[in-house]
């Protein structure tokens, strides 16, 4: 009877108020945590977009000045343009990694704070742990610092052909701790930045094709040297190779004398990106030259690749492929 009276006394049309206090007590923490994660993801996306935009603007500006559409075409342009493009892309990659680590760390601290962990204690403990790691894990700190300085000092960049000791080949990625290098056999090497004690960079400036031609001891050395120089000079005059060869070829003369053969050295200064192609073409022409002179070359028992030999041929005697950043000529812009 009492329930019926209460039901009769209640107005069914009266609005029912929502209990926000109970709702936030139950769902407040999950909602705030979800909000932190969403904001962190959006901030990461926004910063990565900004970094990519700046990188694209720099790369696009260089290409516009050089009047090319793709980075590969910059190889025919001044060296500084190529280095700016490579360095900008490398710095962009490193900045993206730093942004990701920082945002993830800040978001993790905020989430722990929402779960009623003492943030001050967490930060203090993190400082102590960080000091301990800095002392106990000195190699990691060394890797990070060395990676930053290598990029800042432009020791290497994405697309460079380098020899860092543990590996030699084309730089595919430069991280804040590890540098990835693809060697001539296609093996991808992950080299810790702290282990890189010296960097031999073939992509900065120019390089030199050095060919040691072994001819029979009885051959006329002067005639062979003149023929080698003439062959290399003819190669340098061909339009296809004229751009790749920077200076007039030189014959440095007799490199060594053995019992059965004499080694004559010829050198050609080339662009770093064209070294292997010029090397192969010149060897082919020298073979034809010696055949025309009726010179039978001594047999070679072995061929050993050392140093940078064929290192830039990872992508088939071409530099690594890069993402094209097309630009719109001024006359076609809206």
C-alpha atoms as a PDB file:
ATOM      1  CA  UNK A   1       0.000   0.000   0.000  1.00  0.00           C
ATOM      2  CA  UNK A   2       2.825   2.364   0.866  1.00  0.00           C
ATOM      3  CA  UNK A   3       4.565   1.672  -2.474  1.00  0.00           C
ATOM      4  CA  UNK A   4       1.353   2.367  -4.329  1.00  0.00           C
ATOM      5  CA  UNK A   5       0.879   5.669  -2.545  1.00  0.00           C
ATOM      6  CA  UNK A   6       4.453   6.691  -3.285  1.00  0.00           C
ATOM      7  CA  UNK A   7       4.078   5.739  -6.924  1.00  0.00           C
ATOM      8  CA  UNK A   8       0.840   7.663  -7.141  1.00  0.00           C
ATOM      9  CA  UNK A   9       2.458  10.704  -5.575  1.00  0.00           C
ATOM     10  CA  UNK A  10       5.377  10.737  -8.085  1.00  0.00           C
ATOM     11  CA  UNK A  11       4.978  12.830 -11.187  1.00  0.00           C
ATOM     12  CA  UNK A  12       6.014  10.649 -14.168  1.00  0.00           C
ATOM     13  CA  UNK A  13       6.625  13.712 -16.294  1.00  0.00           C
ATOM     14  CA  UNK A  14       9.214  15.161 -13.913  1.00  0.00           C
ATOM     15  CA  UNK A  15      12.801  15.048 -15.358  1.00  0.00           C
ATOM     16  CA  UNK A  16      15.305  12.669 -13.774  1.00  0.00           C
ATOM     17  CA  UNK A  17      18.585  14.425 -12.884  1.00  0.00           C
ATOM     18  CA  UNK A  18      21.855  12.702 -13.935  1.00  0.00           C
ATOM     19  CA  UNK A  19      24.237  11.972 -11.091  1.00  0.00           C
ATOM     20  CA  UNK A  20      27.488  13.468 -12.480  1.00  0.00           C
ATOM     21  CA  UNK A  21      29.332  12.968  -9.210  1.00  0.00           C
ATOM     22  CA  UNK A  22      28.779   9.226  -9.305  1.00  0.00           C
ATOM     23  CA  UNK A  23      29.666   9.130 -13.001  1.00  0.00           C
ATOM     24  CA  UNK A  24      33.038  10.906 -12.498  1.00  0.00           C
ATOM     25  CA  UNK A  25      33.831   8.779  -9.473  1.00  0.00           C
ATOM     26  CA  UNK A  26      33.403   5.694 -11.613  1.00  0.00           C
ATOM     27  CA  UNK A  27      34.741   6.852 -15.008  1.00  0.00           C
ATOM     28  CA  UNK A  28      36.775   9.986 -14.264  1.00  0.00           C
ATOM     29  CA  UNK A  29      40.182   8.317 -14.088  1.00  0.00           C
ATOM     30  CA  UNK A  30      39.768   6.193 -17.266  1.00  0.00           C
ATOM     31  CA  UNK A  31      38.488   9.249 -19.162  1.00  0.00           C
ATOM     32  CA  UNK A  32      41.436  11.406 -18.047  1.00  0.00           C
ATOM     33  CA  UNK A  33      43.905   8.654 -18.918  1.00  0.00           C
ATOM     34  CA  UNK A  34      42.285   8.255 -22.343  1.00  0.00           C
ATOM     35  CA  UNK A  35      42.454  12.031 -22.775  1.00  0.00           C
ATOM     36  CA  UNK A  36      46.173  12.063 -21.932  1.00  0.00           C
ATOM     37  CA  UNK A  37      46.847   9.291 -24.438  1.00  0.00           C
ATOM     38  CA  UNK A  38      44.787  11.006 -27.150  1.00  0.00           C
ATOM     39  CA  UNK A  39      46.519  14.356 -26.564  1.00  0.00           C
ATOM     40  CA  UNK A  40      49.937  12.663 -26.588  1.00  0.00           C
ATOM     41  CA  UNK A  41      49.176  10.887 -29.873  1.00  0.00           C
ATOM     42  CA  UNK A  42      47.798  14.077 -31.454  1.00  0.00           C
ATOM     43  CA  UNK A  43      50.803  16.081 -30.219  1.00  0.00           C
ATOM     44  CA  UNK A  44      53.193  13.476 -31.626  1.00  0.00           C
ATOM     45  CA  UNK A  45      51.386  13.494 -34.977  1.00  0.00           C
ATOM     46  CA  UNK A  46      51.380  17.299 -35.054  1.00  0.00           C
ATOM     47  CA  UNK A  47      55.094  17.574 -34.220  1.00  0.00           C
ATOM     48  CA  UNK A  48      56.042  14.861 -36.711  1.00  0.00           C
ATOM     49  CA  UNK A  49      53.956  16.632 -39.356  1.00  0.00           C
ATOM     50  CA  UNK A  50      55.693  19.913 -38.534  1.00  0.00           C
ATOM     51  CA  UNK A  51      59.141  18.318 -38.736  1.00  0.00           C
ATOM     52  CA  UNK A  52      58.298  16.623 -42.055  1.00  0.00           C
ATOM     53  CA  UNK A  53      56.892  19.885 -43.366  1.00  0.00           C
ATOM     54  CA  UNK A  54      60.077  21.756 -42.469  1.00  0.00           C
ATOM     55  CA  UNK A  55      62.222  19.001 -44.021  1.00  0.00           C
ATOM     56  CA  UNK A  56      60.110  19.033 -47.188  1.00  0.00           C
ATOM     57  CA  UNK A  57      60.315  22.817 -47.367  1.00  0.00           C
ATOM     58  CA  UNK A  58      64.118  22.763 -47.153  1.00  0.00           C
ATOM     59  CA  UNK A  59      64.442  19.884 -49.635  1.00  0.00           C
ATOM     60  CA  UNK A  60      61.881  21.447 -51.963  1.00  0.00           C
ATOM     61  CA  UNK A  61      63.699  24.773 -51.841  1.00  0.00           C
ATOM     62  CA  UNK A  62      67.013  23.141 -52.755  1.00  0.00           C
ATOM     63  CA  UNK A  63      65.402  21.258 -55.645  1.00  0.00           C
ATOM     64  CA  UNK A  64      63.673  24.387 -56.873  1.00  0.00           C
ATOM     65  CA  UNK A  65      66.954  26.298 -56.904  1.00  0.00           C
ATOM     66  CA  UNK A  66      68.669  23.454 -58.774  1.00  0.00           C
ATOM     67  CA  UNK A  67      65.635  23.010 -61.078  1.00  0.00           C
ATOM     68  CA  UNK A  68      65.270  19.265 -60.442  1.00  0.00           C
ATOM     69  CA  UNK A  69      62.359  17.077 -59.360  1.00  0.00           C
ATOM     70  CA  UNK A  70      64.095  14.299 -57.438  1.00  0.00           C
ATOM     71  CA  UNK A  71      67.065  14.008 -55.111  1.00  0.00           C
ATOM     72  CA  UNK A  72      68.876  11.673 -57.523  1.00  0.00           C
ATOM     73  CA  UNK A  73      69.140  14.545 -60.005  1.00  0.00           C
ATOM     74  CA  UNK A  74      70.973  16.624 -57.408  1.00  0.00           C
ATOM     75  CA  UNK A  75      74.049  14.508 -58.026  1.00  0.00           C
ATOM     76  CA  UNK A  76      74.637  16.674 -61.083  1.00  0.00           C
ATOM     77  CA  UNK A  77      74.329  19.816 -58.982  1.00  0.00           C
ATOM     78  CA  UNK A  78      76.802  21.423 -56.594  1.00  0.00           C
ATOM     79  CA  UNK A  79      77.866  19.305 -53.635  1.00  0.00           C
ATOM     80  CA  UNK A  80      76.484  21.712 -51.049  1.00  0.00           C
ATOM     81  CA  UNK A  81      72.928  21.148 -52.300  1.00  0.00           C
ATOM     82  CA  UNK A  82      73.267  17.391 -51.873  1.00  0.00           C
ATOM     83  CA  UNK A  83      74.726  17.734 -48.386  1.00  0.00           C
ATOM     84  CA  UNK A  84      71.939  20.080 -47.265  1.00  0.00           C
ATOM     85  CA  UNK A  85      69.284  17.632 -48.458  1.00  0.00           C
ATOM     86  CA  UNK A  86      70.967  14.637 -46.809  1.00  0.00           C
ATOM     87  CA  UNK A  87      71.646  16.473 -43.562  1.00  0.00           C
ATOM     88  CA  UNK A  88      68.109  17.863 -43.362  1.00  0.00           C
ATOM     89  CA  UNK A  89      66.568  14.423 -43.806  1.00  0.00           C
ATOM     90  CA  UNK A  90      68.917  12.946 -41.199  1.00  0.00           C
ATOM     91  CA  UNK A  91      68.129  15.674 -38.674  1.00  0.00           C
ATOM     92  CA  UNK A  92      64.419  15.174 -39.365  1.00  0.00           C
ATOM     93  CA  UNK A  93      64.731  11.473 -38.596  1.00  0.00           C
ATOM     94  CA  UNK A  94      66.597  12.124 -35.348  1.00  0.00           C
ATOM     95  CA  UNK A  95      64.127  14.819 -34.246  1.00  0.00           C
ATOM     96  CA  UNK A  96      61.197  12.477 -34.869  1.00  0.00           C
ATOM     97  CA  UNK A  97      62.801   9.880 -32.592  1.00  0.00           C
ATOM     98  CA  UNK A  98      63.478  12.460 -29.860  1.00  0.00           C
ATOM     99  CA  UNK A  99      59.913  13.797 -30.015  1.00  0.00           C
ATOM    100  CA  UNK A 100      58.474  10.302 -29.719  1.00  0.00           C
ATOM    101  CA  UNK A 101      60.610   9.458 -26.664  1.00  0.00           C
ATOM    102  CA  UNK A 102      59.870  12.746 -24.868  1.00  0.00           C
ATOM    103  CA  UNK A 103      56.113  12.662 -25.453  1.00  0.00           C
ATOM    104  CA  UNK A 104      55.882   9.008 -24.433  1.00  0.00           C
ATOM    105  CA  UNK A 105      57.799   9.734 -21.207  1.00  0.00           C
ATOM    106  CA  UNK A 106      55.653  12.743 -20.285  1.00  0.00           C
ATOM    107  CA  UNK A 107      52.433  10.886 -21.059  1.00  0.00           C
ATOM    108  CA  UNK A 108      53.539   7.927 -18.924  1.00  0.00           C
ATOM    109  CA  UNK A 109      54.234  10.196 -15.932  1.00  0.00           C
ATOM    110  CA  UNK A 110      50.818  11.891 -16.279  1.00  0.00           C
ATOM    111  CA  UNK A 111      49.017   8.557 -16.536  1.00  0.00           C
ATOM    112  CA  UNK A 112      50.750   7.304 -13.384  1.00  0.00           C
ATOM    113  CA  UNK A 113      49.693  10.512 -11.663  1.00  0.00           C
ATOM    114  CA  UNK A 114      46.049   9.833 -12.575  1.00  0.00           C
ATOM    115  CA  UNK A 115      46.420   6.374 -11.032  1.00  0.00           C
ATOM    116  CA  UNK A 116      47.265   8.105  -7.721  1.00  0.00           C
ATOM    117  CA  UNK A 117      50.985   7.445  -7.895  1.00  0.00           C
ATOM    118  CA  UNK A 118      53.148  10.140  -6.326  1.00  0.00           C
ATOM    119  CA  UNK A 119      54.550  12.017  -9.328  1.00  0.00           C
ATOM    120  CA  UNK A 120      57.190  13.794  -7.231  1.00  0.00           C
ATOM    121  CA  UNK A 121      58.399  10.453  -5.931  1.00  0.00           C
ATOM    122  CA  UNK A 122      58.317   9.027  -9.472  1.00  0.00           C
ATOM    123  CA  UNK A 123      60.369  11.918 -10.846  1.00  0.00           C
ATOM    124  CA  UNK A 124      62.792  11.667  -7.930  1.00  0.00           C
ATOM    125  CA  UNK A 125      63.152   7.926  -8.385  1.00  0.00           C
ATOM    126  CA  UNK A 126      63.573   8.432 -12.116  1.00  0.00           C
ATOM    127  CA  UNK A 127      66.359  10.924 -11.438  1.00  0.00           C
ATOM    128  CA  UNK A 128      68.118   8.452  -9.164  1.00  0.00           C
ATOM    129  CA  UNK A 129      67.610   5.645 -11.669  1.00  0.00           C
ATOM    130  CA  UNK A 130      68.776   7.930 -14.457  1.00  0.00           C
ATOM    131  CA  UNK A 131      71.932   8.783 -12.540  1.00  0.00           C
ATOM    132  CA  UNK A 132      72.516   5.105 -11.886  1.00  0.00           C
ATOM    133  CA  UNK A 133      71.935   4.242 -15.529  1.00  0.00           C
ATOM    134  CA  UNK A 134      74.205   7.062 -16.641  1.00  0.00           C
ATOM    135  CA  UNK A 135      76.939   5.577 -14.475  1.00  0.00           C
ATOM    136  CA  UNK A 136      76.197   1.901 -15.076  1.00  0.00           C
ATOM    137  CA  UNK A 137      75.053   2.126 -18.667  1.00  0.00           C
ATOM    138  CA  UNK A 138      77.648   4.527 -19.958  1.00  0.00           C
ATOM    139  CA  UNK A 139      77.622   2.873 -23.363  1.00  0.00           C
ATOM    140  CA  UNK A 140      73.999   3.903 -23.952  1.00  0.00           C
ATOM    141  CA  UNK A 141      74.726   7.509 -23.007  1.00  0.00           C
ATOM    142  CA  UNK A 142      77.827   7.389 -25.204  1.00  0.00           C
ATOM    143  CA  UNK A 143      75.730   6.080 -28.117  1.00  0.00           C
ATOM    144  CA  UNK A 144      73.178   8.881 -27.737  1.00  0.00           C
ATOM    145  CA  UNK A 145      75.730  11.682 -27.454  1.00  0.00           C
ATOM    146  CA  UNK A 146      77.897  10.365 -30.277  1.00  0.00           C
ATOM    147  CA  UNK A 147      74.856  10.050 -32.545  1.00  0.00           C
ATOM    148  CA  UNK A 148      73.825  13.650 -31.876  1.00  0.00           C
ATOM    149  CA  UNK A 149      77.325  14.985 -32.535  1.00  0.00           C
ATOM    150  CA  UNK A 150      77.748  12.934 -35.724  1.00  0.00           C
ATOM    151  CA  UNK A 151      74.601  14.486 -37.171  1.00  0.00           C
ATOM    152  CA  UNK A 152      75.314  17.987 -35.872  1.00  0.00           C
ATOM    153  CA  UNK A 153      78.850  17.920 -37.279  1.00  0.00           C
ATOM    154  CA  UNK A 154      77.661  16.461 -40.591  1.00  0.00           C
ATOM    155  CA  UNK A 155      80.007  13.486 -40.357  1.00  0.00           C
ATOM    156  CA  UNK A 156      77.494  11.302 -42.173  1.00  0.00           C
ATOM    157  CA  UNK A 157      73.951  11.438 -43.467  1.00  0.00           C
ATOM    158  CA  UNK A 158      71.292   9.260 -45.020  1.00  0.00           C
ATOM    159  CA  UNK A 159      72.507   8.173 -48.461  1.00  0.00           C
ATOM    160  CA  UNK A 160      76.227   8.608 -47.726  1.00  0.00           C
ATOM    161  CA  UNK A 161      78.694   5.845 -48.575  1.00  0.00           C
ATOM    162  CA  UNK A 162      80.792   5.411 -45.453  1.00  0.00           C
ATOM    163  CA  UNK A 163      83.303   3.164 -43.720  1.00  0.00           C
ATOM    164  CA  UNK A 164      82.796   3.221 -39.952  1.00  0.00           C
ATOM    165  CA  UNK A 165      85.070   0.313 -39.092  1.00  0.00           C
ATOM    166  CA  UNK A 166      82.554  -2.408 -38.170  1.00  0.00           C
ATOM    167  CA  UNK A 167      80.767  -1.945 -41.506  1.00  0.00           C
ATOM    168  CA  UNK A 168      81.121  -0.181 -44.849  1.00  0.00           C
ATOM    169  CA  UNK A 169      78.277   0.698 -47.197  1.00  0.00           C
ATOM    170  CA  UNK A 170      75.367   3.056 -47.691  1.00  0.00           C
ATOM    171  CA  UNK A 171      73.768   4.779 -44.691  1.00  0.00           C
ATOM    172  CA  UNK A 172      70.059   3.938 -44.694  1.00  0.00           C
ATOM    173  CA  UNK A 173      69.062   5.466 -41.348  1.00  0.00           C
ATOM    174  CA  UNK A 174      70.658   7.439 -38.534  1.00  0.00           C
ATOM    175  CA  UNK A 175      69.006   6.960 -35.141  1.00  0.00           C
ATOM    176  CA  UNK A 176      69.796   8.500 -31.783  1.00  0.00           C
ATOM    177  CA  UNK A 177      71.497   5.252 -30.705  1.00  0.00           C
ATOM    178  CA  UNK A 178      72.072   3.095 -33.801  1.00  0.00           C
ATOM    179  CA  UNK A 179      73.118   3.805 -37.398  1.00  0.00           C
ATOM    180  CA  UNK A 180      71.931   1.399 -40.118  1.00  0.00           C
ATOM    181  CA  UNK A 181      74.375   0.665 -42.947  1.00  0.00           C
ATOM    182  CA  UNK A 182      73.694  -1.561 -45.976  1.00  0.00           C
ATOM    183  CA  UNK A 183      76.865  -3.181 -47.309  1.00  0.00           C
ATOM    184  CA  UNK A 184      77.666  -4.339 -50.844  1.00  0.00           C
ATOM    185  CA  UNK A 185      76.278  -7.826 -50.147  1.00  0.00           C
ATOM    186  CA  UNK A 186      72.920  -6.387 -49.094  1.00  0.00           C
ATOM    187  CA  UNK A 187      73.473  -7.063 -45.386  1.00  0.00           C
ATOM    188  CA  UNK A 188      71.941  -4.405 -43.125  1.00  0.00           C
ATOM    189  CA  UNK A 189      74.337  -3.578 -40.279  1.00  0.00           C
ATOM    190  CA  UNK A 190      73.125  -1.970 -37.053  1.00  0.00           C
ATOM    191  CA  UNK A 191      76.137  -0.116 -35.683  1.00  0.00           C
ATOM    192  CA  UNK A 192      75.992   1.500 -32.247  1.00  0.00           C
ATOM    193  CA  UNK A 193      76.937   5.148 -32.509  1.00  0.00           C
ATOM    194  CA  UNK A 194      79.240   4.855 -29.512  1.00  0.00           C
ATOM    195  CA  UNK A 195      81.275   2.205 -31.348  1.00  0.00           C
ATOM    196  CA  UNK A 196      81.960   4.512 -34.298  1.00  0.00           C
ATOM    197  CA  UNK A 197      85.450   5.834 -33.582  1.00  0.00           C
ATOM    198  CA  UNK A 198      86.113   7.171 -37.069  1.00  0.00           C
ATOM    199  CA  UNK A 199      84.054   7.814 -40.181  1.00  0.00           C
ATOM    200  CA  UNK A 200      85.362   7.554 -43.728  1.00  0.00           C
ATOM    201  CA  UNK A 201      82.808   9.345 -45.920  1.00  0.00           C
ATOM    202  CA  UNK A 202      82.934   8.825 -49.676  1.00  0.00           C
ATOM    203  CA  UNK A 203      80.002  11.106 -50.399  1.00  0.00           C
ATOM    204  CA  UNK A 204      81.487  14.423 -49.332  1.00  0.00           C
ATOM    205  CA  UNK A 205      83.163  16.161 -52.214  1.00  0.00           C
ATOM    206  CA  UNK A 206      84.931  13.916 -54.674  1.00  0.00           C
ATOM    207  CA  UNK A 207      86.548  10.526 -54.867  1.00  0.00           C
ATOM    208  CA  UNK A 208      89.176   8.899 -57.035  1.00  0.00           C
ATOM    209  CA  UNK A 209      89.183   5.866 -59.305  1.00  0.00           C
ATOM    210  CA  UNK A 210      92.502   4.078 -58.867  1.00  0.00           C
ATOM    211  CA  UNK A 211      93.318   1.271 -61.305  1.00  0.00           C
ATOM    212  CA  UNK A 212      96.477  -0.779 -61.137  1.00  0.00           C
ATOM    213  CA  UNK A 213      97.052  -2.492 -64.492  1.00  0.00           C
ATOM    214  CA  UNK A 214      99.471  -5.398 -64.484  1.00  0.00           C
ATOM    215  CA  UNK A 215     101.228  -5.844 -67.843  1.00  0.00           C
ATOM    216  CA  UNK A 216     103.929  -8.337 -68.860  1.00  0.00           C
ATOM    217  CA  UNK A 217     107.463  -7.453 -67.861  1.00  0.00           C
ATOM    218  CA  UNK A 218     108.491  -7.430 -71.511  1.00  0.00           C
ATOM    219  CA  UNK A 219     105.901  -4.822 -72.550  1.00  0.00           C
ATOM    220  CA  UNK A 220     106.892  -1.314 -73.595  1.00  0.00           C
ATOM    221  CA  UNK A 221     105.974   0.649 -70.466  1.00  0.00           C
ATOM    222  CA  UNK A 222     105.977   4.062 -72.173  1.00  0.00           C
ATOM    223  CA  UNK A 223     103.691   2.828 -74.948  1.00  0.00           C
ATOM    224  CA  UNK A 224     101.317   1.236 -72.439  1.00  0.00           C
ATOM    225  CA  UNK A 225     101.201   4.399 -70.306  1.00  0.00           C
ATOM    226  CA  UNK A 226     100.458   6.586 -73.320  1.00  0.00           C
ATOM    227  CA  UNK A 227      97.700   4.229 -74.442  1.00  0.00           C
ATOM    228  CA  UNK A 228      96.165   4.123 -70.943  1.00  0.00           C
ATOM    229  CA  UNK A 229      96.167   7.915 -70.672  1.00  0.00           C
ATOM    230  CA  UNK A 230      94.674   8.295 -74.156  1.00  0.00           C
ATOM    231  CA  UNK A 231      91.925   5.813 -73.308  1.00  0.00           C
ATOM    232  CA  UNK A 232      91.034   7.606 -70.064  1.00  0.00           C
ATOM    233  CA  UNK A 233      91.121  11.011 -71.755  1.00  0.00           C
ATOM    234  CA  UNK A 234      88.754   9.790 -74.481  1.00  0.00           C
ATOM    235  CA  UNK A 235      86.404   8.527 -71.773  1.00  0.00           C
ATOM    236  CA  UNK A 236      86.446  11.910 -70.041  1.00  0.00           C
ATOM    237  CA  UNK A 237      85.495  13.612 -73.324  1.00  0.00           C
ATOM    238  CA  UNK A 238      82.343  11.517 -73.833  1.00  0.00           C
ATOM    239  CA  UNK A 239      79.259  13.610 -72.853  1.00  0.00           C
ATOM    240  CA  UNK A 240      77.822  10.751 -70.801  1.00  0.00           C
ATOM    241  CA  UNK A 241      80.941  10.585 -68.615  1.00  0.00           C
ATOM    242  CA  UNK A 242      82.091  14.184 -68.797  1.00  0.00           C
ATOM    243  CA  UNK A 243      79.806  15.195 -65.922  1.00  0.00           C
ATOM    244  CA  UNK A 244      81.085  12.374 -63.704  1.00  0.00           C
ATOM    245  CA  UNK A 245      84.812  13.001 -64.269  1.00  0.00           C
ATOM    246  CA  UNK A 246      85.992  16.187 -62.557  1.00  0.00           C
ATOM    247  CA  UNK A 247      89.590  16.478 -63.728  1.00  0.00           C
ATOM    248  CA  UNK A 248      91.886  15.269 -66.477  1.00  0.00           C
ATOM    249  CA  UNK A 249      92.956  11.624 -65.877  1.00  0.00           C
ATOM    250  CA  UNK A 250      96.531  11.041 -64.755  1.00  0.00           C
ATOM    251  CA  UNK A 251      98.949   8.161 -65.113  1.00  0.00           C
ATOM    252  CA  UNK A 252     101.077   7.950 -61.984  1.00  0.00           C
ATOM    253  CA  UNK A 253     103.511   5.537 -63.557  1.00  0.00           C
ATOM    254  CA  UNK A 254     104.940   2.243 -62.330  1.00  0.00           C
ATOM    255  CA  UNK A 255     103.489   1.224 -58.993  1.00  0.00           C
ATOM    256  CA  UNK A 256     105.467  -1.981 -58.516  1.00  0.00           C
ATOM    257  CA  UNK A 257     107.723  -4.415 -60.369  1.00  0.00           C
ATOM    258  CA  UNK A 258     107.461  -8.170 -59.974  1.00  0.00           C
ATOM    259  CA  UNK A 259     109.139 -11.119 -61.637  1.00  0.00           C
ATOM    260  CA  UNK A 260     106.484 -11.565 -64.335  1.00  0.00           C
ATOM    261  CA  UNK A 261     104.680  -8.244 -64.537  1.00  0.00           C
ATOM    262  CA  UNK A 262     104.849  -4.500 -64.046  1.00  0.00           C
ATOM    263  CA  UNK A 263     101.980  -2.641 -62.327  1.00  0.00           C
ATOM    264  CA  UNK A 264     101.068   0.736 -63.826  1.00  0.00           C
ATOM    265  CA  UNK A 265      98.677   3.022 -61.954  1.00  0.00           C
ATOM    266  CA  UNK A 266      96.123   5.374 -63.509  1.00  0.00           C
ATOM    267  CA  UNK A 267      93.827   7.637 -61.489  1.00  0.00           C
ATOM    268  CA  UNK A 268      90.685   9.583 -62.348  1.00  0.00           C
ATOM    269  CA  UNK A 269      89.013  12.136 -60.074  1.00  0.00           C
ATOM    270  CA  UNK A 270      85.230  11.640 -60.130  1.00  0.00           C
ATOM    271  CA  UNK A 271      82.050  12.573 -58.348  1.00  0.00           C
ATOM    272  CA  UNK A 272      81.510  10.330 -55.361  1.00  0.00           C
ATOM    273  CA  UNK A 273      78.217   8.961 -56.685  1.00  0.00           C
ATOM    274  CA  UNK A 274      79.768   7.925 -60.021  1.00  0.00           C
ATOM    275  CA  UNK A 275      82.937   6.257 -58.819  1.00  0.00           C
ATOM    276  CA  UNK A 276      81.952   2.634 -59.431  1.00  0.00           C
ATOM    277  CA  UNK A 277      80.394   3.245 -62.844  1.00  0.00           C
ATOM    278  CA  UNK A 278      83.440   5.179 -64.064  1.00  0.00           C
ATOM    279  CA  UNK A 279      85.697   2.489 -62.610  1.00  0.00           C
ATOM    280  CA  UNK A 280      83.941  -0.305 -64.510  1.00  0.00           C
ATOM    281  CA  UNK A 281      83.749   1.613 -67.770  1.00  0.00           C
ATOM    282  CA  UNK A 282      87.419   2.560 -67.654  1.00  0.00           C
ATOM    283  CA  UNK A 283      88.469  -1.021 -66.890  1.00  0.00           C
ATOM    284  CA  UNK A 284      86.451  -2.227 -69.858  1.00  0.00           C
ATOM    285  CA  UNK A 285      88.093   0.291 -72.169  1.00  0.00           C
ATOM    286  CA  UNK A 286      91.564  -0.485 -70.844  1.00  0.00           C
ATOM    287  CA  UNK A 287      90.963  -4.155 -71.603  1.00  0.00           C
ATOM    288  CA  UNK A 288      90.124  -3.279 -75.195  1.00  0.00           C
ATOM    289  CA  UNK A 289      93.213  -1.052 -75.375  1.00  0.00           C
ATOM    290  CA  UNK A 290      95.540  -3.817 -74.212  1.00  0.00           C
ATOM    291  CA  UNK A 291      93.922  -6.205 -76.676  1.00  0.00           C
ATOM    292  CA  UNK A 292      94.615  -3.747 -79.476  1.00  0.00           C
ATOM    293  CA  UNK A 293      98.263  -3.624 -78.394  1.00  0.00           C
ATOM    294  CA  UNK A 294      98.457  -7.443 -78.418  1.00  0.00           C
ATOM    295  CA  UNK A 295      99.304  -7.436 -74.719  1.00  0.00           C
ATOM    296  CA  UNK A 296      98.363 -10.573 -72.824  1.00  0.00           C
ATOM    297  CA  UNK A 297      97.625  -9.627 -69.225  1.00  0.00           C
ATOM    298  CA  UNK A 298      99.038 -11.846 -66.480  1.00  0.00           C
ATOM    299  CA  UNK A 299      96.603 -14.206 -64.796  1.00  0.00           C
ATOM    300  CA  UNK A 300      95.130 -13.090 -61.467  1.00  0.00           C
ATOM    301  CA  UNK A 301      94.808 -15.763 -58.803  1.00  0.00           C
ATOM    302  CA  UNK A 302      92.344 -13.862 -56.641  1.00  0.00           C
ATOM    303  CA  UNK A 303      90.351 -10.663 -56.412  1.00  0.00           C
ATOM    304  CA  UNK A 304      89.716  -9.213 -52.941  1.00  0.00           C
ATOM    305  CA  UNK A 305      87.349  -6.316 -52.329  1.00  0.00           C
ATOM    306  CA  UNK A 306      88.594  -3.999 -49.601  1.00  0.00           C
ATOM    307  CA  UNK A 307      87.605  -0.640 -48.252  1.00  0.00           C
ATOM    308  CA  UNK A 308      85.027   1.106 -50.376  1.00  0.00           C
ATOM    309  CA  UNK A 309      85.268  -1.139 -53.420  1.00  0.00           C
ATOM    310  CA  UNK A 310      81.749  -1.472 -54.840  1.00  0.00           C
ATOM    311  CA  UNK A 311      80.226  -0.160 -51.603  1.00  0.00           C
ATOM    312  CA  UNK A 312      78.121   2.361 -53.484  1.00  0.00           C
ATOM    313  CA  UNK A 313      76.702  -0.374 -55.704  1.00  0.00           C
ATOM    314  CA  UNK A 314      74.220  -1.520 -53.068  1.00  0.00           C
ATOM    315  CA  UNK A 315      71.386  -0.200 -55.185  1.00  0.00           C
ATOM    316  CA  UNK A 316      72.897  -1.268 -58.508  1.00  0.00           C
ATOM    317  CA  UNK A 317      75.609   1.356 -58.914  1.00  0.00           C
ATOM    318  CA  UNK A 318      73.122   4.052 -57.933  1.00  0.00           C
ATOM    319  CA  UNK A 319      72.660   5.997 -54.682  1.00  0.00           C
ATOM    320  CA  UNK A 320      69.887   4.801 -52.342  1.00  0.00           C
ATOM    321  CA  UNK A 321      66.363   5.593 -53.425  1.00  0.00           C
ATOM    322  CA  UNK A 322      64.790   8.537 -51.682  1.00  0.00           C
ATOM    323  CA  UNK A 323      61.231   9.713 -51.440  1.00  0.00           C
ATOM    324  CA  UNK A 324      60.654  12.261 -54.211  1.00  0.00           C
ATOM    325  CA  UNK A 325      59.499  15.714 -53.163  1.00  0.00           C
ATOM    326  CA  UNK A 326      58.088  17.287 -56.333  1.00  0.00           C
ATOM    327  CA  UNK A 327      57.870  21.038 -56.585  1.00  0.00           C
ATOM    328  CA  UNK A 328      55.657  23.313 -58.630  1.00  0.00           C
ATOM    329  CA  UNK A 329      57.449  25.799 -60.877  1.00  0.00           C
ATOM    330  CA  UNK A 330      56.697  29.431 -60.136  1.00  0.00           C
ATOM    331  CA  UNK A 331      54.895  29.937 -63.417  1.00  0.00           C
ATOM    332  CA  UNK A 332      52.429  27.103 -62.728  1.00  0.00           C
ATOM    333  CA  UNK A 333      51.509  28.020 -59.173  1.00  0.00           C
ATOM    334  CA  UNK A 334      47.988  29.189 -58.460  1.00  0.00           C
END
